[in-house]
């Protein structure tokens, strides 16, 4: 959605947060029973760059209280999958790392 429009990513809690989507199947029971995959470094790096850019633009603290997975905002969903939730610390750390490649 254009930045001026309210999102619809977390029912009832769309104000004051931003949705960043990762494309893939990252939950062990997902993918039609074939199991999820671990997000590759390219996805983790891309997510970190977007988190860094958005956080700096909006003054969002890059910590576990503010950079979360979808299921941590809304109950009843496995999204973004166990394999991404397990990497959120990595995404946050890379987003905070000024030496990490990406928009500064």
C-alpha atoms as a PDB file:
ATOM      1  CA  UNK A   1       0.000   0.000   0.000  1.00  0.00           C
ATOM      2  CA  UNK A   2       1.131   3.543  -0.487  1.00  0.00           C
ATOM      3  CA  UNK A   3       2.782   4.914   2.663  1.00  0.00           C
ATOM      4  CA  UNK A   4      -0.082   7.325   3.338  1.00  0.00           C
ATOM      5  CA  UNK A   5      -2.646   4.520   3.715  1.00  0.00           C
ATOM      6  CA  UNK A   6      -3.333   2.443   6.805  1.00  0.00           C
ATOM      7  CA  UNK A   7      -2.251  -1.169   6.355  1.00  0.00           C
ATOM      8  CA  UNK A   8      -4.408  -4.227   6.879  1.00  0.00           C
ATOM      9  CA  UNK A   9      -1.752  -6.684   7.996  1.00  0.00           C
ATOM     10  CA  UNK A  10      -2.721  -7.129  11.681  1.00  0.00           C
ATOM     11  CA  UNK A  11      -6.439  -6.842  12.335  1.00  0.00           C
ATOM     12  CA  UNK A  12      -7.143  -4.144  14.881  1.00  0.00           C
ATOM     13  CA  UNK A  13      -3.464  -3.293  15.417  1.00  0.00           C
ATOM     14  CA  UNK A  14      -2.429  -1.641  12.157  1.00  0.00           C
ATOM     15  CA  UNK A  15      -1.653   1.791  13.576  1.00  0.00           C
ATOM     16  CA  UNK A  16       1.946   2.437  14.566  1.00  0.00           C
ATOM     17  CA  UNK A  17       3.577  -0.470  12.788  1.00  0.00           C
ATOM     18  CA  UNK A  18       4.847  -1.455   9.367  1.00  0.00           C
ATOM     19  CA  UNK A  19       4.495  -4.792   7.583  1.00  0.00           C
ATOM     20  CA  UNK A  20       7.507  -6.276   5.795  1.00  0.00           C
ATOM     21  CA  UNK A  21       6.743  -9.450   3.841  1.00  0.00           C
ATOM     22  CA  UNK A  22       9.203 -12.267   3.250  1.00  0.00           C
ATOM     23  CA  UNK A  23       8.312 -14.543   0.361  1.00  0.00           C
ATOM     24  CA  UNK A  24       8.715 -18.260   1.041  1.00  0.00           C
ATOM     25  CA  UNK A  25       7.539 -21.073   3.269  1.00  0.00           C
ATOM     26  CA  UNK A  26       9.329 -20.871   6.599  1.00  0.00           C
ATOM     27  CA  UNK A  27       7.239 -23.042   8.907  1.00  0.00           C
ATOM     28  CA  UNK A  28       8.029 -26.739   9.478  1.00  0.00           C
ATOM     29  CA  UNK A  29       4.423 -27.864   8.936  1.00  0.00           C
ATOM     30  CA  UNK A  30       3.916 -25.639   5.887  1.00  0.00           C
ATOM     31  CA  UNK A  31       4.529 -26.018   2.183  1.00  0.00           C
ATOM     32  CA  UNK A  32       1.909 -28.689   1.594  1.00  0.00           C
ATOM     33  CA  UNK A  33       3.516 -31.071   4.065  1.00  0.00           C
ATOM     34  CA  UNK A  34       6.990 -30.705   2.529  1.00  0.00           C
ATOM     35  CA  UNK A  35       8.274 -28.727   5.503  1.00  0.00           C
ATOM     36  CA  UNK A  36       9.524 -25.191   5.613  1.00  0.00           C
ATOM     37  CA  UNK A  37      12.932 -23.917   4.759  1.00  0.00           C
ATOM     38  CA  UNK A  38      15.361 -21.732   6.637  1.00  0.00           C
ATOM     39  CA  UNK A  39      15.431 -18.274   5.075  1.00  0.00           C
ATOM     40  CA  UNK A  40      18.663 -17.818   3.118  1.00  0.00           C
ATOM     41  CA  UNK A  41      21.087 -15.006   3.915  1.00  0.00           C
ATOM     42  CA  UNK A  42      19.784 -13.013   0.938  1.00  0.00           C
ATOM     43  CA  UNK A  43      16.336 -12.824   2.577  1.00  0.00           C
ATOM     44  CA  UNK A  44      17.756 -12.085   6.036  1.00  0.00           C
ATOM     45  CA  UNK A  45      20.010  -9.375   4.606  1.00  0.00           C
ATOM     46  CA  UNK A  46      17.179  -7.842   2.590  1.00  0.00           C
ATOM     47  CA  UNK A  47      14.891  -7.853   5.615  1.00  0.00           C
ATOM     48  CA  UNK A  48      17.615  -6.225   7.727  1.00  0.00           C
ATOM     49  CA  UNK A  49      18.094  -3.478   5.140  1.00  0.00           C
ATOM     50  CA  UNK A  50      14.364  -2.749   5.011  1.00  0.00           C
ATOM     51  CA  UNK A  51      14.074  -2.801   8.816  1.00  0.00           C
ATOM     52  CA  UNK A  52      17.025  -0.397   9.076  1.00  0.00           C
ATOM     53  CA  UNK A  53      15.612   1.997   6.502  1.00  0.00           C
ATOM     54  CA  UNK A  54      12.065   2.001   7.892  1.00  0.00           C
ATOM     55  CA  UNK A  55      13.225   2.200  11.521  1.00  0.00           C
ATOM     56  CA  UNK A  56      15.472   5.160  10.849  1.00  0.00           C
ATOM     57  CA  UNK A  57      12.827   6.938   8.804  1.00  0.00           C
ATOM     58  CA  UNK A  58      10.120   6.539  11.467  1.00  0.00           C
ATOM     59  CA  UNK A  59      12.306   6.554  14.590  1.00  0.00           C
ATOM     60  CA  UNK A  60      11.492   2.942  15.497  1.00  0.00           C
ATOM     61  CA  UNK A  61      13.741   1.257  18.046  1.00  0.00           C
ATOM     62  CA  UNK A  62      15.265  -1.893  16.544  1.00  0.00           C
ATOM     63  CA  UNK A  63      14.604  -4.205  19.477  1.00  0.00           C
ATOM     64  CA  UNK A  64      12.416  -7.218  20.235  1.00  0.00           C
ATOM     65  CA  UNK A  65       9.589  -4.998  21.498  1.00  0.00           C
ATOM     66  CA  UNK A  66       9.287  -3.213  18.162  1.00  0.00           C
ATOM     67  CA  UNK A  67      10.619  -5.530  15.421  1.00  0.00           C
ATOM     68  CA  UNK A  68       8.478  -8.648  15.637  1.00  0.00           C
ATOM     69  CA  UNK A  69       6.975 -11.414  13.576  1.00  0.00           C
ATOM     70  CA  UNK A  70       3.325 -11.295  12.551  1.00  0.00           C
ATOM     71  CA  UNK A  71       2.280 -13.880  15.164  1.00  0.00           C
ATOM     72  CA  UNK A  72       3.775 -11.703  17.890  1.00  0.00           C
ATOM     73  CA  UNK A  73       1.324  -8.933  16.942  1.00  0.00           C
ATOM     74  CA  UNK A  74      -1.684 -11.150  16.196  1.00  0.00           C
ATOM     75  CA  UNK A  75      -2.661 -14.492  17.664  1.00  0.00           C
ATOM     76  CA  UNK A  76      -3.910 -17.418  15.633  1.00  0.00           C
ATOM     77  CA  UNK A  77      -1.254 -17.420  12.940  1.00  0.00           C
ATOM     78  CA  UNK A  78       2.030 -19.277  12.473  1.00  0.00           C
ATOM     79  CA  UNK A  79       3.290 -16.433  10.274  1.00  0.00           C
ATOM     80  CA  UNK A  80       6.124 -15.726   9.585  1.00  0.00           C
ATOM     81  CA  UNK A  81       7.020 -19.319  10.480  1.00  0.00           C
ATOM     82  CA  UNK A  82       9.285 -20.803  13.129  1.00  0.00           C
ATOM     83  CA  UNK A  83      12.302 -20.562  10.848  1.00  0.00           C
ATOM     84  CA  UNK A  84      11.944 -16.771  10.509  1.00  0.00           C
ATOM     85  CA  UNK A  85      10.976 -16.153  14.137  1.00  0.00           C
ATOM     86  CA  UNK A  86      14.192 -17.939  15.091  1.00  0.00           C
ATOM     87  CA  UNK A  87      16.125 -15.476  12.922  1.00  0.00           C
ATOM     88  CA  UNK A  88      14.486 -12.230  14.099  1.00  0.00           C
ATOM     89  CA  UNK A  89      17.426 -11.553  16.418  1.00  0.00           C
ATOM     90  CA  UNK A  90      19.777 -11.873  13.437  1.00  0.00           C
ATOM     91  CA  UNK A  91      17.614  -9.512  11.373  1.00  0.00           C
ATOM     92  CA  UNK A  92      17.536  -6.943  14.188  1.00  0.00           C
ATOM     93  CA  UNK A  93      21.289  -7.210  14.787  1.00  0.00           C
ATOM     94  CA  UNK A  94      22.066  -6.771  11.098  1.00  0.00           C
ATOM     95  CA  UNK A  95      19.649  -3.845  10.908  1.00  0.00           C
ATOM     96  CA  UNK A  96      21.507  -2.121  13.769  1.00  0.00           C
ATOM     97  CA  UNK A  97      24.983  -2.871  12.344  1.00  0.00           C
ATOM     98  CA  UNK A  98      26.257   0.239  10.558  1.00  0.00           C
ATOM     99  CA  UNK A  99      28.985  -1.825   8.858  1.00  0.00           C
ATOM    100  CA  UNK A 100      26.405  -4.183   7.359  1.00  0.00           C
ATOM    101  CA  UNK A 101      25.833  -3.481   3.639  1.00  0.00           C
ATOM    102  CA  UNK A 102      22.738  -1.527   2.745  1.00  0.00           C
ATOM    103  CA  UNK A 103      21.224   1.915   3.065  1.00  0.00           C
ATOM    104  CA  UNK A 104      22.864   3.796   5.884  1.00  0.00           C
END
